Amino acid sequence: MERPGIRFRGPVLDAPSGSAVLELAAFYERLLGWRITQSDPGGWALLESGTGQKIEIQGLPDYRRPTWPNTAGEQQMMLHLDFATDDVEAAVAWAVDAGASLAEVQPTAHVRVLLDPAGHPFCLFVGAA
């Protein structure tokens, strides 16, 4: 069988239902400079990079924030996002100003773990941005 054309577009992040969906979308819009291209006040939003990448946000009535680091018996994160930057400290300051919080646990000196407004962990590190 020949493999059909399949390409990765990006993740779908869960969030609390209601206004939290648009708030989280607005956070990523500011953080990344991507545009919210579609949204539904009922609980869904699409952000697009303009270069084919996307992040979708979907609201769930029973959403529970993940814990970082993972803790037995608590809501586990299913994934985390990695963002490369030329300047980690400036990127951390930008992310915090946009609404993120610095995680208490930092596993390495070269990567900063932050939490978005819905609690999803994401990492900032020096790399090809």
N, C-alpha and C. Protein backbone atom coordinates (compact mmCIF):
# COMPACT_ATOMS: atom_id res chain seq x y z
N MET A 1 0.84 -1.18 0.00
CA MET A 1 0.00 0.00 0.00
C MET A 1 0.89 1.25 0.00
N GLU A 2 0.52 2.22 -0.78
CA GLU A 2 1.26 3.47 -0.83
C GLU A 2 0.71 4.43 0.23
N ARG A 3 1.62 5.06 0.93
CA ARG A 3 1.21 5.99 1.97
C ARG A 3 0.53 7.20 1.35
N PRO A 4 -0.67 7.55 1.83
CA PRO A 4 -1.33 8.75 1.32
C PRO A 4 -0.66 10.00 1.89
N GLY A 5 -0.92 11.15 1.31
CA GLY A 5 -0.38 12.40 1.82
C GLY A 5 -0.95 12.71 3.20
N ILE A 6 -0.11 12.76 4.19
CA ILE A 6 -0.53 13.07 5.57
C ILE A 6 0.46 14.10 6.10
N ARG A 7 -0.05 15.17 6.68
CA ARG A 7 0.86 16.16 7.24
C ARG A 7 0.37 16.57 8.62
N PHE A 8 1.30 16.88 9.48
CA PHE A 8 0.99 17.33 10.83
C PHE A 8 0.64 18.80 10.79
N ARG A 9 -0.49 19.17 11.41
CA ARG A 9 -0.89 20.58 11.47
C ARG A 9 -0.65 21.16 12.86
N GLY A 10 -0.96 20.42 13.90
CA GLY A 10 -0.76 20.93 15.25
C GLY A 10 -1.76 20.33 16.22
N PRO A 11 -1.57 20.65 17.50
CA PRO A 11 -2.39 20.02 18.54
C PRO A 11 -3.73 20.71 18.74
N VAL A 12 -4.59 20.00 19.45
CA VAL A 12 -5.85 20.54 19.96
C VAL A 12 -5.72 20.49 21.48
N LEU A 13 -5.83 21.64 22.13
CA LEU A 13 -5.72 21.72 23.58
C LEU A 13 -7.11 21.81 24.20
N ASP A 14 -7.32 21.06 25.26
CA ASP A 14 -8.56 21.14 26.00
C ASP A 14 -8.49 22.33 26.96
N ALA A 15 -9.64 22.87 27.30
CA ALA A 15 -9.74 24.00 28.22
C ALA A 15 -11.10 23.93 28.90
N PRO A 16 -11.28 24.71 29.97
CA PRO A 16 -12.61 24.79 30.55
C PRO A 16 -13.59 25.36 29.53
N SER A 17 -14.84 24.97 29.62
CA SER A 17 -15.86 25.49 28.71
C SER A 17 -16.09 26.98 28.93
N GLY A 18 -16.74 27.61 27.97
CA GLY A 18 -17.14 29.00 28.10
C GLY A 18 -16.04 29.96 27.69
N SER A 19 -15.97 31.08 28.37
CA SER A 19 -15.05 32.15 27.99
C SER A 19 -13.58 31.74 28.11
N ALA A 20 -13.28 30.70 28.88
CA ALA A 20 -11.88 30.24 29.03
C ALA A 20 -11.29 29.81 27.70
N VAL A 21 -12.11 29.33 26.77
CA VAL A 21 -11.60 28.92 25.46
C VAL A 21 -11.04 30.12 24.71
N LEU A 22 -11.81 31.19 24.64
CA LEU A 22 -11.35 32.37 23.92
C LEU A 22 -10.21 33.06 24.67
N GLU A 23 -10.21 33.00 26.00
CA GLU A 23 -9.11 33.56 26.78
C GLU A 23 -7.81 32.81 26.50
N LEU A 24 -7.88 31.48 26.42
CA LEU A 24 -6.68 30.69 26.13
C LEU A 24 -6.22 30.95 24.70
N ALA A 25 -7.16 31.04 23.77
CA ALA A 25 -6.80 31.36 22.38
C ALA A 25 -6.13 32.73 22.31
N ALA A 26 -6.65 33.70 23.04
CA ALA A 26 -6.05 35.04 23.06
C ALA A 26 -4.65 35.02 23.65
N PHE A 27 -4.42 34.16 24.65
CA PHE A 27 -3.09 34.01 25.22
C PHE A 27 -2.10 33.53 24.15
N TYR A 28 -2.45 32.46 23.42
CA TYR A 28 -1.54 31.95 22.40
C TYR A 28 -1.41 32.92 21.22
N GLU A 29 -2.45 33.67 20.92
CA GLU A 29 -2.37 34.68 19.87
C GLU A 29 -1.31 35.72 20.24
N ARG A 30 -1.32 36.16 21.49
CA ARG A 30 -0.33 37.15 21.92
C ARG A 30 1.06 36.53 22.02
N LEU A 31 1.15 35.34 22.63
CA LEU A 31 2.45 34.69 22.83
C LEU A 31 3.17 34.46 21.51
N LEU A 32 2.45 33.94 20.52
CA LEU A 32 3.09 33.50 19.28
C LEU A 32 2.94 34.48 18.12
N GLY A 33 2.01 35.42 18.24
CA GLY A 33 1.76 36.32 17.11
C GLY A 33 0.92 35.66 16.03
N TRP A 34 0.30 34.53 16.34
CA TRP A 34 -0.60 33.87 15.39
C TRP A 34 -1.97 34.53 15.49
N ARG A 35 -2.79 34.33 14.47
CA ARG A 35 -4.14 34.90 14.45
C ARG A 35 -5.18 33.86 14.83
N ILE A 36 -6.17 34.31 15.58
CA ILE A 36 -7.38 33.49 15.79
C ILE A 36 -8.17 33.64 14.50
N THR A 37 -8.26 32.58 13.74
CA THR A 37 -8.92 32.66 12.43
C THR A 37 -10.37 32.20 12.48
N GLN A 38 -10.71 31.40 13.48
CA GLN A 38 -12.09 30.95 13.63
C GLN A 38 -12.35 30.76 15.12
N SER A 39 -13.59 31.00 15.52
CA SER A 39 -13.96 30.71 16.91
C SER A 39 -15.46 30.53 17.00
N ASP A 40 -15.85 29.81 18.01
CA ASP A 40 -17.26 29.56 18.30
C ASP A 40 -17.43 29.84 19.79
N PRO A 41 -18.29 30.80 20.14
CA PRO A 41 -18.46 31.12 21.56
C PRO A 41 -18.91 29.92 22.39
N GLY A 42 -19.38 28.88 21.71
CA GLY A 42 -19.80 27.67 22.41
C GLY A 42 -18.63 26.84 22.93
N GLY A 43 -17.39 27.20 22.52
CA GLY A 43 -16.27 26.48 23.10
C GLY A 43 -15.25 25.92 22.14
N TRP A 44 -14.86 26.70 21.13
CA TRP A 44 -13.83 26.23 20.20
C TRP A 44 -13.17 27.42 19.55
N ALA A 45 -11.85 27.31 19.30
CA ALA A 45 -11.13 28.37 18.59
C ALA A 45 -9.98 27.75 17.82
N LEU A 46 -9.63 28.40 16.71
CA LEU A 46 -8.53 27.96 15.85
C LEU A 46 -7.56 29.12 15.70
N LEU A 47 -6.28 28.85 15.98
CA LEU A 47 -5.21 29.81 15.73
C LEU A 47 -4.35 29.25 14.62
N GLU A 48 -3.92 30.12 13.70
CA GLU A 48 -3.08 29.67 12.60
C GLU A 48 -1.85 30.56 12.48
N SER A 49 -0.74 29.91 12.14
CA SER A 49 0.55 30.60 12.06
C SER A 49 0.71 31.40 10.78
N GLY A 50 -0.01 31.04 9.75
CA GLY A 50 0.21 31.63 8.43
C GLY A 50 1.18 30.81 7.60
N THR A 51 1.81 29.81 8.22
CA THR A 51 2.75 28.93 7.50
C THR A 51 2.31 27.47 7.58
N GLY A 52 1.02 27.25 7.88
CA GLY A 52 0.49 25.89 7.87
C GLY A 52 0.38 25.23 9.23
N GLN A 53 0.88 25.85 10.27
CA GLN A 53 0.75 25.28 11.61
C GLN A 53 -0.49 25.86 12.28
N LYS A 54 -1.06 25.09 13.23
CA LYS A 54 -2.24 25.56 13.94
C LYS A 54 -2.26 25.02 15.35
N ILE A 55 -3.01 25.69 16.19
CA ILE A 55 -3.39 25.20 17.52
C ILE A 55 -4.89 25.42 17.62
N GLU A 56 -5.60 24.38 18.03
CA GLU A 56 -7.03 24.52 18.29
C GLU A 56 -7.25 24.43 19.79
N ILE A 57 -8.27 25.12 20.27
CA ILE A 57 -8.67 25.07 21.67
C ILE A 57 -10.10 24.58 21.69
N GLN A 58 -10.37 23.55 22.50
CA GLN A 58 -11.74 23.06 22.63
C GLN A 58 -12.14 23.04 24.10
N GLY A 59 -13.33 23.53 24.38
CA GLY A 59 -13.83 23.58 25.75
C GLY A 59 -14.49 22.28 26.16
N LEU A 60 -14.24 21.88 27.39
CA LEU A 60 -14.84 20.68 27.96
C LEU A 60 -15.47 21.04 29.31
N PRO A 61 -16.71 20.64 29.54
CA PRO A 61 -17.35 20.98 30.81
C PRO A 61 -16.68 20.33 32.02
N ASP A 62 -15.99 19.21 31.83
CA ASP A 62 -15.36 18.52 32.95
C ASP A 62 -13.83 18.65 32.92
N TYR A 63 -13.32 19.70 32.30
CA TYR A 63 -11.88 19.91 32.19
C TYR A 63 -11.24 20.01 33.57
N ARG A 64 -10.09 19.33 33.73
CA ARG A 64 -9.28 19.44 34.94
C ARG A 64 -7.87 19.82 34.53
N ARG A 65 -7.31 20.82 35.21
CA ARG A 65 -5.94 21.26 34.92
C ARG A 65 -4.98 20.11 35.14
N PRO A 66 -4.00 19.96 34.23
CA PRO A 66 -2.96 18.95 34.47
C PRO A 66 -2.02 19.41 35.58
N THR A 67 -1.33 18.47 36.18
CA THR A 67 -0.32 18.81 37.18
C THR A 67 1.06 18.73 36.56
N TRP A 68 1.94 19.59 36.99
CA TRP A 68 3.34 19.57 36.55
C TRP A 68 4.21 19.71 37.78
N PRO A 69 5.15 18.80 38.01
CA PRO A 69 5.34 17.57 37.23
C PRO A 69 4.22 16.58 37.52
N ASN A 70 4.16 15.53 36.71
CA ASN A 70 3.12 14.53 36.91
C ASN A 70 3.16 14.01 38.34
N THR A 71 1.97 13.83 38.91
CA THR A 71 1.83 13.35 40.28
C THR A 71 0.83 12.21 40.28
N ALA A 72 1.17 11.11 40.91
CA ALA A 72 0.28 9.95 40.97
C ALA A 72 -1.07 10.36 41.55
N GLY A 73 -2.14 9.90 40.91
CA GLY A 73 -3.48 10.18 41.38
C GLY A 73 -4.04 11.53 40.96
N GLU A 74 -3.24 12.36 40.28
CA GLU A 74 -3.68 13.67 39.82
C GLU A 74 -3.84 13.64 38.29
N GLN A 75 -4.49 14.65 37.76
CA GLN A 75 -4.66 14.76 36.31
C GLN A 75 -3.29 14.85 35.64
N GLN A 76 -3.00 13.93 34.77
CA GLN A 76 -1.72 13.90 34.06
C GLN A 76 -1.79 14.78 32.82
N MET A 77 -0.64 15.39 32.47
CA MET A 77 -0.60 16.10 31.20
C MET A 77 -0.50 15.05 30.11
N MET A 78 -1.11 15.30 28.99
CA MET A 78 -1.06 14.35 27.88
C MET A 78 0.07 14.71 26.92
N LEU A 79 0.45 15.98 26.93
CA LEU A 79 1.54 16.46 26.08
C LEU A 79 1.96 17.80 26.61
N HIS A 80 3.07 18.29 26.12
CA HIS A 80 3.45 19.68 26.37
C HIS A 80 3.97 20.25 25.07
N LEU A 81 3.95 21.56 24.96
CA LEU A 81 4.39 22.24 23.76
C LEU A 81 5.82 22.75 23.96
N ASP A 82 6.64 22.67 22.93
CA ASP A 82 8.01 23.19 22.94
C ASP A 82 8.08 24.39 22.01
N PHE A 83 8.68 25.48 22.50
CA PHE A 83 8.86 26.68 21.70
C PHE A 83 10.33 27.09 21.75
N ALA A 84 10.95 27.19 20.58
CA ALA A 84 12.33 27.64 20.48
C ALA A 84 12.37 29.16 20.46
N THR A 85 13.46 29.71 20.98
CA THR A 85 13.63 31.16 21.02
C THR A 85 15.12 31.48 20.96
N ASP A 86 15.42 32.72 20.64
CA ASP A 86 16.81 33.17 20.66
C ASP A 86 17.22 33.63 22.05
N ASP A 87 16.25 33.99 22.89
CA ASP A 87 16.53 34.56 24.21
C ASP A 87 15.50 34.02 25.20
N VAL A 88 15.91 33.04 25.98
CA VAL A 88 14.98 32.38 26.90
C VAL A 88 14.42 33.35 27.93
N GLU A 89 15.27 34.15 28.56
CA GLU A 89 14.78 35.04 29.61
C GLU A 89 13.80 36.07 29.07
N ALA A 90 14.07 36.62 27.89
CA ALA A 90 13.13 37.58 27.29
C ALA A 90 11.82 36.87 26.92
N ALA A 91 11.91 35.64 26.43
CA ALA A 91 10.71 34.88 26.07
C ALA A 91 9.89 34.54 27.31
N VAL A 92 10.57 34.21 28.41
CA VAL A 92 9.86 33.94 29.67
C VAL A 92 9.12 35.19 30.13
N ALA A 93 9.80 36.33 30.10
CA ALA A 93 9.16 37.59 30.51
C ALA A 93 7.95 37.90 29.63
N TRP A 94 8.09 37.69 28.32
CA TRP A 94 6.98 37.91 27.38
C TRP A 94 5.81 36.99 27.70
N ALA A 95 6.11 35.70 27.93
CA ALA A 95 5.06 34.72 28.22
C ALA A 95 4.34 35.06 29.52
N VAL A 96 5.08 35.46 30.54
CA VAL A 96 4.46 35.82 31.82
C VAL A 96 3.59 37.06 31.64
N ASP A 97 4.06 38.03 30.89
CA ASP A 97 3.28 39.23 30.62
C ASP A 97 2.00 38.90 29.84
N ALA A 98 2.07 37.87 29.01
CA ALA A 98 0.90 37.44 28.22
C ALA A 98 -0.10 36.65 29.05
N GLY A 99 0.32 36.15 30.23
CA GLY A 99 -0.61 35.42 31.09
C GLY A 99 -0.14 34.07 31.57
N ALA A 100 1.07 33.65 31.18
CA ALA A 100 1.62 32.38 31.65
C ALA A 100 2.17 32.53 33.06
N SER A 101 2.45 31.42 33.71
CA SER A 101 3.15 31.44 34.99
C SER A 101 4.33 30.49 34.91
N LEU A 102 5.41 30.87 35.58
CA LEU A 102 6.60 30.03 35.62
C LEU A 102 6.31 28.85 36.55
N ALA A 103 6.57 27.63 36.08
CA ALA A 103 6.35 26.45 36.90
C ALA A 103 7.34 26.42 38.06
N GLU A 104 6.90 25.90 39.19
CA GLU A 104 7.78 25.79 40.35
C GLU A 104 8.94 24.84 40.07
N VAL A 105 8.67 23.75 39.38
CA VAL A 105 9.70 22.75 39.10
C VAL A 105 10.32 23.05 37.74
N GLN A 106 11.64 23.23 37.73
CA GLN A 106 12.41 23.47 36.51
C GLN A 106 13.44 22.35 36.39
N PRO A 107 13.25 21.39 35.46
CA PRO A 107 14.09 20.19 35.42
C PRO A 107 15.51 20.40 34.89
N THR A 108 15.77 21.50 34.19
CA THR A 108 17.10 21.73 33.63
C THR A 108 17.38 23.22 33.55
N ALA A 109 18.62 23.59 33.57
CA ALA A 109 19.01 25.00 33.54
C ALA A 109 18.80 25.63 32.17
N HIS A 110 18.70 24.83 31.12
CA HIS A 110 18.64 25.36 29.75
C HIS A 110 17.23 25.47 29.18
N VAL A 111 16.26 25.02 29.95
CA VAL A 111 14.86 25.04 29.50
C VAL A 111 14.03 25.65 30.62
N ARG A 112 13.06 26.47 30.27
CA ARG A 112 12.13 27.01 31.24
C ARG A 112 10.75 26.43 30.96
N VAL A 113 10.15 25.87 32.02
CA VAL A 113 8.80 25.32 31.93
C VAL A 113 7.84 26.37 32.47
N LEU A 114 6.82 26.65 31.67
CA LEU A 114 5.77 27.59 32.06
C LEU A 114 4.43 26.89 31.94
N LEU A 115 3.41 27.50 32.52
CA LEU A 115 2.05 26.99 32.43
C LEU A 115 1.18 28.05 31.77
N ASP A 116 0.40 27.63 30.77
CA ASP A 116 -0.51 28.57 30.15
C ASP A 116 -1.69 28.82 31.09
N PRO A 117 -2.60 29.73 30.78
CA PRO A 117 -3.70 30.04 31.70
C PRO A 117 -4.61 28.86 32.05
N ALA A 118 -4.63 27.82 31.22
CA ALA A 118 -5.44 26.63 31.52
C ALA A 118 -4.62 25.53 32.19
N GLY A 119 -3.33 25.81 32.46
CA GLY A 119 -2.48 24.86 33.17
C GLY A 119 -1.64 23.95 32.31
N HIS A 120 -1.69 24.07 30.98
CA HIS A 120 -0.87 23.21 30.12
C HIS A 120 0.60 23.63 30.23
N PRO A 121 1.50 22.70 30.50
CA PRO A 121 2.92 23.04 30.51
C PRO A 121 3.43 23.29 29.09
N PHE A 122 4.34 24.25 28.97
CA PHE A 122 5.07 24.43 27.72
C PHE A 122 6.49 24.85 28.07
N CYS A 123 7.41 24.54 27.15
CA CYS A 123 8.83 24.80 27.39
C CYS A 123 9.35 25.85 26.43
N LEU A 124 10.24 26.68 26.95
CA LEU A 124 10.98 27.65 26.15
C LEU A 124 12.44 27.28 26.24
N PHE A 125 13.13 27.25 25.11
CA PHE A 125 14.54 26.87 25.06
C PHE A 125 15.20 27.55 23.88
N VAL A 126 16.52 27.68 23.94
CA VAL A 126 17.27 28.27 22.83
C VAL A 126 17.31 27.26 21.70
N GLY A 127 16.95 27.70 20.53
CA GLY A 127 16.94 26.84 19.37
C GLY A 127 16.54 27.63 18.14
N ALA A 128 16.49 26.98 17.03
CA ALA A 128 16.11 27.64 15.77
C ALA A 128 14.66 28.06 15.88
N ALA A 129 14.43 29.36 16.00
CA ALA A 129 13.07 29.86 16.15
C ALA A 129 12.43 30.12 14.80
